[in-house]
C-alpha atoms as a PDB file:
ATOM      1  CA  MET A   1     -41.182 111.888 166.341  1.00  0.00           C
ATOM      2  CA  ILE A   2     -38.670 114.432 165.092  1.00  0.00           C
ATOM      3  CA  THR A   3     -35.660 112.909 163.382  1.00  0.00           C
ATOM      4  CA  GLU A   4     -32.397 114.634 164.207  1.00  0.00           C
ATOM      5  CA  ARG A   5     -29.908 114.850 161.379  1.00  0.00           C
ATOM      6  CA  PRO A   6     -26.285 114.448 162.440  1.00  0.00           C
ATOM      7  CA  PRO A   7     -23.807 117.210 161.685  1.00  0.00           C
ATOM      8  CA  ILE A   8     -21.294 116.674 158.907  1.00  0.00           C
ATOM      9  CA  PRO A   9     -17.728 117.592 159.871  1.00  0.00           C
ATOM     10  CA  LEU A  10     -16.090 120.146 157.605  1.00  0.00           C
ATOM     11  CA  VAL A  11     -12.652 118.684 158.158  1.00  0.00           C
ATOM     12  CA  ALA A  12     -12.186 114.957 158.690  1.00  0.00           C
ATOM     13  CA  GLY A  13     -10.656 111.855 157.189  1.00  0.00           C
ATOM     14  CA  GLU A  14     -12.180 110.259 154.108  1.00  0.00           C
ATOM     15  CA  ARG A  15     -13.942 107.425 155.894  1.00  0.00           C
ATOM     16  CA  GLU A  16     -15.374 109.712 158.567  1.00  0.00           C
ATOM     17  CA  LEU A  17     -16.680 112.097 155.883  1.00  0.00           C
ATOM     18  CA  LEU A  18     -18.250 109.298 153.839  1.00  0.00           C
ATOM     19  CA  ARG A  19     -19.845 107.832 156.961  1.00  0.00           C
ATOM     20  CA  ALA A  20     -21.142 111.255 158.067  1.00  0.00           C
ATOM     21  CA  HIS A  21     -22.669 112.042 154.670  1.00  0.00           C
ATOM     22  CA  LEU A  22     -24.323 108.627 154.525  1.00  0.00           C
ATOM     23  CA  GLU A  23     -25.754 109.018 158.040  1.00  0.00           C
ATOM     24  CA  TYR A  24     -26.998 112.516 157.201  1.00  0.00           C
ATOM     25  CA  HIS A  25     -28.832 111.250 154.136  1.00  0.00           C
ATOM     26  CA  ARG A  26     -30.273 108.262 155.998  1.00  0.00           C
ATOM     27  CA  ALA A  27     -31.615 110.639 158.629  1.00  0.00           C
ATOM     28  CA  THR A  28     -32.996 112.947 155.929  1.00  0.00           C
ATOM     29  CA  LEU A  29     -35.133 110.139 154.498  1.00  0.00           C
ATOM     30  CA  ALA A  30     -36.522 109.368 157.961  1.00  0.00           C
ATOM     31  CA  TRP A  31     -37.099 113.094 158.580  1.00  0.00           C
ATOM     32  CA  LYS A  32     -39.112 113.428 155.362  1.00  0.00           C
ATOM     33  CA  CYS A  33     -41.448 110.708 156.703  1.00  0.00           C
ATOM     34  CA  ASP A  34     -41.855 112.166 160.224  1.00  0.00           C
ATOM     35  CA  GLY A  35     -45.400 112.685 161.422  1.00  0.00           C
ATOM     36  CA  LEU A  36     -47.162 110.874 158.581  1.00  0.00           C
ATOM     37  CA  ASP A  37     -49.566 107.984 159.013  1.00  0.00           C
ATOM     38  CA  ASP A  38     -49.542 104.894 156.786  1.00  0.00           C
ATOM     39  CA  ALA A  39     -51.991 106.352 154.268  1.00  0.00           C
ATOM     40  CA  ARG A  40     -49.923 109.507 153.748  1.00  0.00           C
ATOM     41  CA  LEU A  41     -46.700 107.526 153.578  1.00  0.00           C
ATOM     42  CA  ARG A  42     -48.293 105.426 150.816  1.00  0.00           C
ATOM     43  CA  ALA A  43     -49.535 108.484 148.863  1.00  0.00           C
ATOM     44  CA  ARG A  44     -48.127 108.253 145.362  1.00  0.00           C
ATOM     45  CA  ALA A  45     -46.009 110.997 143.837  1.00  0.00           C
ATOM     46  CA  SER A  46     -48.086 111.264 140.665  1.00  0.00           C
ATOM     47  CA  ALA A  47     -49.838 108.951 138.253  1.00  0.00           C
ATOM     48  CA  PRO A  48     -48.819 106.515 136.877  1.00  0.00           C
ATOM     49  CA  SER A  49     -45.832 106.227 139.243  1.00  0.00           C
ATOM     50  CA  ALA A  50     -46.017 103.862 142.230  1.00  0.00           C
ATOM     51  CA  LEU A  51     -43.400 106.015 144.016  1.00  0.00           C
ATOM     52  CA  SER A  52     -44.276 107.049 147.580  1.00  0.00           C
ATOM     53  CA  LEU A  53     -42.351 107.945 150.715  1.00  0.00           C
ATOM     54  CA  LEU A  54     -42.919 104.463 152.111  1.00  0.00           C
ATOM     55  CA  GLY A  55     -41.885 103.025 148.752  1.00  0.00           C
ATOM     56  CA  LEU A  56     -38.630 104.978 149.002  1.00  0.00           C
ATOM     57  CA  VAL A  57     -38.009 103.545 152.480  1.00  0.00           C
ATOM     58  CA  ARG A  58     -38.612 100.023 151.165  1.00  0.00           C
ATOM     59  CA  HIS A  59     -36.407 100.664 148.129  1.00  0.00           C
ATOM     60  CA  MET A  60     -33.563 101.965 150.281  1.00  0.00           C
ATOM     61  CA  ALA A  61     -33.872  98.915 152.556  1.00  0.00           C
ATOM     62  CA  GLU A  62     -33.292  96.759 149.473  1.00  0.00           C
ATOM     63  CA  VAL A  63     -30.399  98.950 148.313  1.00  0.00           C
ATOM     64  CA  GLU A  64     -28.711  98.808 151.745  1.00  0.00           C
ATOM     65  CA  ARG A  65     -29.243  95.025 151.811  1.00  0.00           C
ATOM     66  CA  THR A  66     -27.821  94.528 148.337  1.00  0.00           C
ATOM     67  CA  TRP A  67     -24.750  96.723 148.574  1.00  0.00           C
ATOM     68  CA  PHE A  68     -23.647  95.988 152.123  1.00  0.00           C
ATOM     69  CA  ARG A  69     -24.840  92.464 152.856  1.00  0.00           C
ATOM     70  CA  LYS A  70     -24.780  90.836 149.432  1.00  0.00           C
ATOM     71  CA  CYS A  71     -21.895  92.726 147.874  1.00  0.00           C
ATOM     72  CA  VAL A  72     -19.536  93.779 150.683  1.00  0.00           C
ATOM     73  CA  ASN A  73     -20.313  90.963 153.136  1.00  0.00           C
ATOM     74  CA  GLY A  74     -20.657  88.245 150.496  1.00  0.00           C
ATOM     75  CA  GLU A  75     -24.142  87.062 151.533  1.00  0.00           C
ATOM     76  CA  ARG A  76     -24.862  86.068 147.933  1.00  0.00           C
ATOM     77  CA  ASP A  77     -27.851  83.801 148.661  1.00  0.00           C
ATOM     78  CA  LEU A  78     -29.705  86.418 150.691  1.00  0.00           C
ATOM     79  CA  PRO A  79     -33.075  86.979 148.989  1.00  0.00           C
ATOM     80  CA  ASN A  80     -34.520  90.395 148.278  1.00  0.00           C
ATOM     81  CA  VAL A  81     -37.459  91.409 150.442  1.00  0.00           C
ATOM     82  CA  TRP A  82     -39.637  93.243 147.901  1.00  0.00           C
ATOM     83  CA  SER A  83     -37.579  93.496 144.726  1.00  0.00           C
ATOM     84  CA  HIS A  84     -38.294  90.202 143.058  1.00  0.00           C
ATOM     85  CA  ALA A  85     -36.227  89.184 140.049  1.00  0.00           C
ATOM     86  CA  GLY A  86     -33.783  92.002 140.808  1.00  0.00           C
ATOM     87  CA  ASP A  87     -36.220  94.753 139.776  1.00  0.00           C
ATOM     88  CA  TYR A  88     -35.601  97.283 142.529  1.00  0.00           C
ATOM     89  CA  GLN A  89     -38.440  99.478 141.294  1.00  0.00           C
ATOM     90  CA  THR A  90     -41.017  96.971 142.578  1.00  0.00           C
ATOM     91  CA  ALA A  91     -40.204  98.022 146.157  1.00  0.00           C
ATOM     92  CA  TYR A  92     -41.743 101.415 145.339  1.00  0.00           C
ATOM     93  CA  ASP A  93     -45.250  99.925 145.388  1.00  0.00           C
ATOM     94  CA  ALA A  94     -46.016 100.169 149.091  1.00  0.00           C
ATOM     95  CA  SER A  95     -49.787 100.039 148.650  1.00  0.00           C
ATOM     96  CA  ALA A  96     -50.087  97.041 150.993  1.00  0.00           C
ATOM     97  CA  SER A  97     -47.278  98.017 153.371  1.00  0.00           C
ATOM     98  CA  THR A  98     -47.176  99.816 156.717  1.00  0.00           C
ATOM     99  CA  ARG A  99     -44.798 102.251 158.367  1.00  0.00           C
ATOM    100  CA  ALA A 100     -43.954  99.584 160.950  1.00  0.00           C
ATOM    101  CA  GLU A 101     -43.063  96.993 158.301  1.00  0.00           C
ATOM    102  CA  GLY A 102     -41.121  99.324 156.020  1.00  0.00           C
ATOM    103  CA  PHE A 103     -39.175 101.113 158.719  1.00  0.00           C
ATOM    104  CA  ALA A 104     -38.368  97.901 160.615  1.00  0.00           C
ATOM    105  CA  ALA A 105     -36.814  96.424 157.476  1.00  0.00           C
ATOM    106  CA  TRP A 106     -34.975  99.643 156.613  1.00  0.00           C
ATOM    107  CA  ARG A 107     -33.602 100.146 160.122  1.00  0.00           C
ATOM    108  CA  ALA A 108     -32.450  96.523 160.285  1.00  0.00           C
ATOM    109  CA  GLU A 109     -30.605  96.852 156.978  1.00  0.00           C
ATOM    110  CA  VAL A 110     -29.026 100.153 158.041  1.00  0.00           C
ATOM    111  CA  GLU A 111     -27.744  98.472 161.226  1.00  0.00           C
ATOM    112  CA  HIS A 112     -26.302  95.579 159.200  1.00  0.00           C
ATOM    113  CA  ALA A 113     -24.657  98.090 156.850  1.00  0.00           C
ATOM    114  CA  ARG A 114     -23.126 100.046 159.735  1.00  0.00           C
ATOM    115  CA  ARG A 115     -21.728  96.878 161.283  1.00  0.00           C
ATOM    116  CA  ILE A 116     -20.295  95.652 157.969  1.00  0.00           C
ATOM    117  CA  GLU A 117     -18.732  99.016 157.114  1.00  0.00           C
ATOM    118  CA  ARG A 118     -17.147  99.423 160.543  1.00  0.00           C
ATOM    119  CA  ALA A 119     -15.704  95.894 160.404  1.00  0.00           C
ATOM    120  CA  ALA A 120     -14.082  96.439 157.000  1.00  0.00           C
ATOM    121  CA  PRO A 121     -10.337  97.030 157.308  1.00  0.00           C
ATOM    122  CA  SER A 122     -10.272  99.939 154.846  1.00  0.00           C
ATOM    123  CA  LEU A 123     -12.111 101.765 152.099  1.00  0.00           C
ATOM    124  CA  ASP A 124      -9.783  99.981 149.685  1.00  0.00           C
ATOM    125  CA  LEU A 125     -11.474  96.654 150.435  1.00  0.00           C
ATOM    126  CA  VAL A 126     -12.338  95.177 147.033  1.00  0.00           C
ATOM    127  CA  VAL A 127     -15.434  93.019 146.666  1.00  0.00           C
ATOM    128  CA  HIS A 128     -17.255  91.472 143.735  1.00  0.00           C
ATOM    129  CA  GLN A 129     -20.503  93.123 142.667  1.00  0.00           C
ATOM    130  CA  PRO A 130     -22.481  90.139 141.358  1.00  0.00           C
ATOM    131  CA  ARG A 131     -25.127  92.081 139.458  1.00  0.00           C
ATOM    132  CA  TRP A 132     -22.528  93.943 137.410  1.00  0.00           C
ATOM    133  CA  GLY A 133     -20.015  91.104 137.385  1.00  0.00           C
ATOM    134  CA  GLU A 134     -17.195  93.478 138.365  1.00  0.00           C
ATOM    135  CA  ASP A 135     -15.107  94.322 141.407  1.00  0.00           C
ATOM    136  CA  VAL A 136     -15.771  97.474 143.427  1.00  0.00           C
ATOM    137  CA  SER A 137     -14.212  99.020 146.518  1.00  0.00           C
ATOM    138  CA  LEU A 138     -15.948  99.810 149.790  1.00  0.00           C
ATOM    139  CA  ARG A 139     -15.184 103.459 148.940  1.00  0.00           C
ATOM    140  CA  PHE A 140     -17.271 103.068 145.768  1.00  0.00           C
ATOM    141  CA  VAL A 141     -20.107 101.403 147.693  1.00  0.00           C
ATOM    142  CA  MET A 142     -20.252 104.200 150.244  1.00  0.00           C
ATOM    143  CA  LEU A 143     -20.141 106.905 147.546  1.00  0.00           C
ATOM    144  CA  HIS A 144     -22.835 105.065 145.625  1.00  0.00           C
ATOM    145  CA  MET A 145     -25.021 104.902 148.734  1.00  0.00           C
ATOM    146  CA  VAL A 146     -24.638 108.658 149.322  1.00  0.00           C
ATOM    147  CA  HIS A 147     -25.649 109.169 145.680  1.00  0.00           C
ATOM    148  CA  GLU A 148     -28.677 106.855 146.028  1.00  0.00           C
ATOM    149  CA  TYR A 149     -29.917 108.618 149.147  1.00  0.00           C
ATOM    150  CA  ALA A 150     -29.295 112.117 147.791  1.00  0.00           C
ATOM    151  CA  ARG A 151     -31.196 111.306 144.599  1.00  0.00           C
ATOM    152  CA  HIS A 152     -34.116 109.711 146.399  1.00  0.00           C
ATOM    153  CA  ASN A 153     -34.218 112.396 149.085  1.00  0.00           C
ATOM    154  CA  GLY A 154     -34.888 114.843 146.268  1.00  0.00           C
ATOM    155  CA  HIS A 155     -37.870 112.687 145.333  1.00  0.00           C
ATOM    156  CA  ALA A 156     -38.889 112.616 149.012  1.00  0.00           C
ATOM    157  CA  ASP A 157     -38.821 116.438 149.127  1.00  0.00           C
ATOM    158  CA  LEU A 158     -41.327 116.648 146.294  1.00  0.00           C
ATOM    159  CA  ILE A 159     -43.553 113.848 147.555  1.00  0.00           C
ATOM    160  CA  ARG A 160     -43.713 115.302 151.069  1.00  0.00           C
ATOM    161  CA  GLU A 161     -44.629 118.722 149.729  1.00  0.00           C
ATOM    162  CA  ALA A 162     -47.405 117.155 147.639  1.00  0.00           C
ATOM    163  CA  VAL A 163     -48.695 115.156 150.642  1.00  0.00           C
ATOM    164  CA  ASP A 164     -49.054 117.982 153.154  1.00  0.00           C
ATOM    165  CA  GLY A 165     -47.177 121.076 152.012  1.00  0.00           C
ATOM    166  CA  THR A 166     -44.149 120.476 154.250  1.00  0.00           C
ATOM    167  CA  VAL A 167     -40.936 121.787 152.726  1.00  0.00           C
ATOM    168  CA  GLY A 168     -37.366 122.023 153.953  1.00  0.00           C
ATOM    169  CA  ALA A 169     -33.882 120.999 153.002  1.00  0.00           C
END
């Protein structure tokens, strides 16, 4: 399967630009995983790190879940899937996971996030971030998500090249 990355408009409103950048980075993570079987998706970046492409997918599922469902949507009692005790690094260890499991969770969380973002009246929506104990805006959440994906897509670039030599921006 070849993942298509959506174009980013050069001129658009703030919300449309944030949404486009977030969708581009979501698609980039999926693209970096295209064509790999479970074993290659679980291949670790380098010792002693547990970081793998599948681990990044699991981590980003947790991040989407936390920021959009728990923070923006107020689903405070929603448990983490892999990041027990709030340690989001534990999702990186995908040694017992599969593509099907990881991507199903990630895609479900992305769909929840899209629905929640589209339902929000504006980027100025202020919500309480329970982990930090402070208020944040939806604008901040979306910018933070672009940052998270961009950072981890850089990791994905290096991991993919180490797995099979595939490179590309």
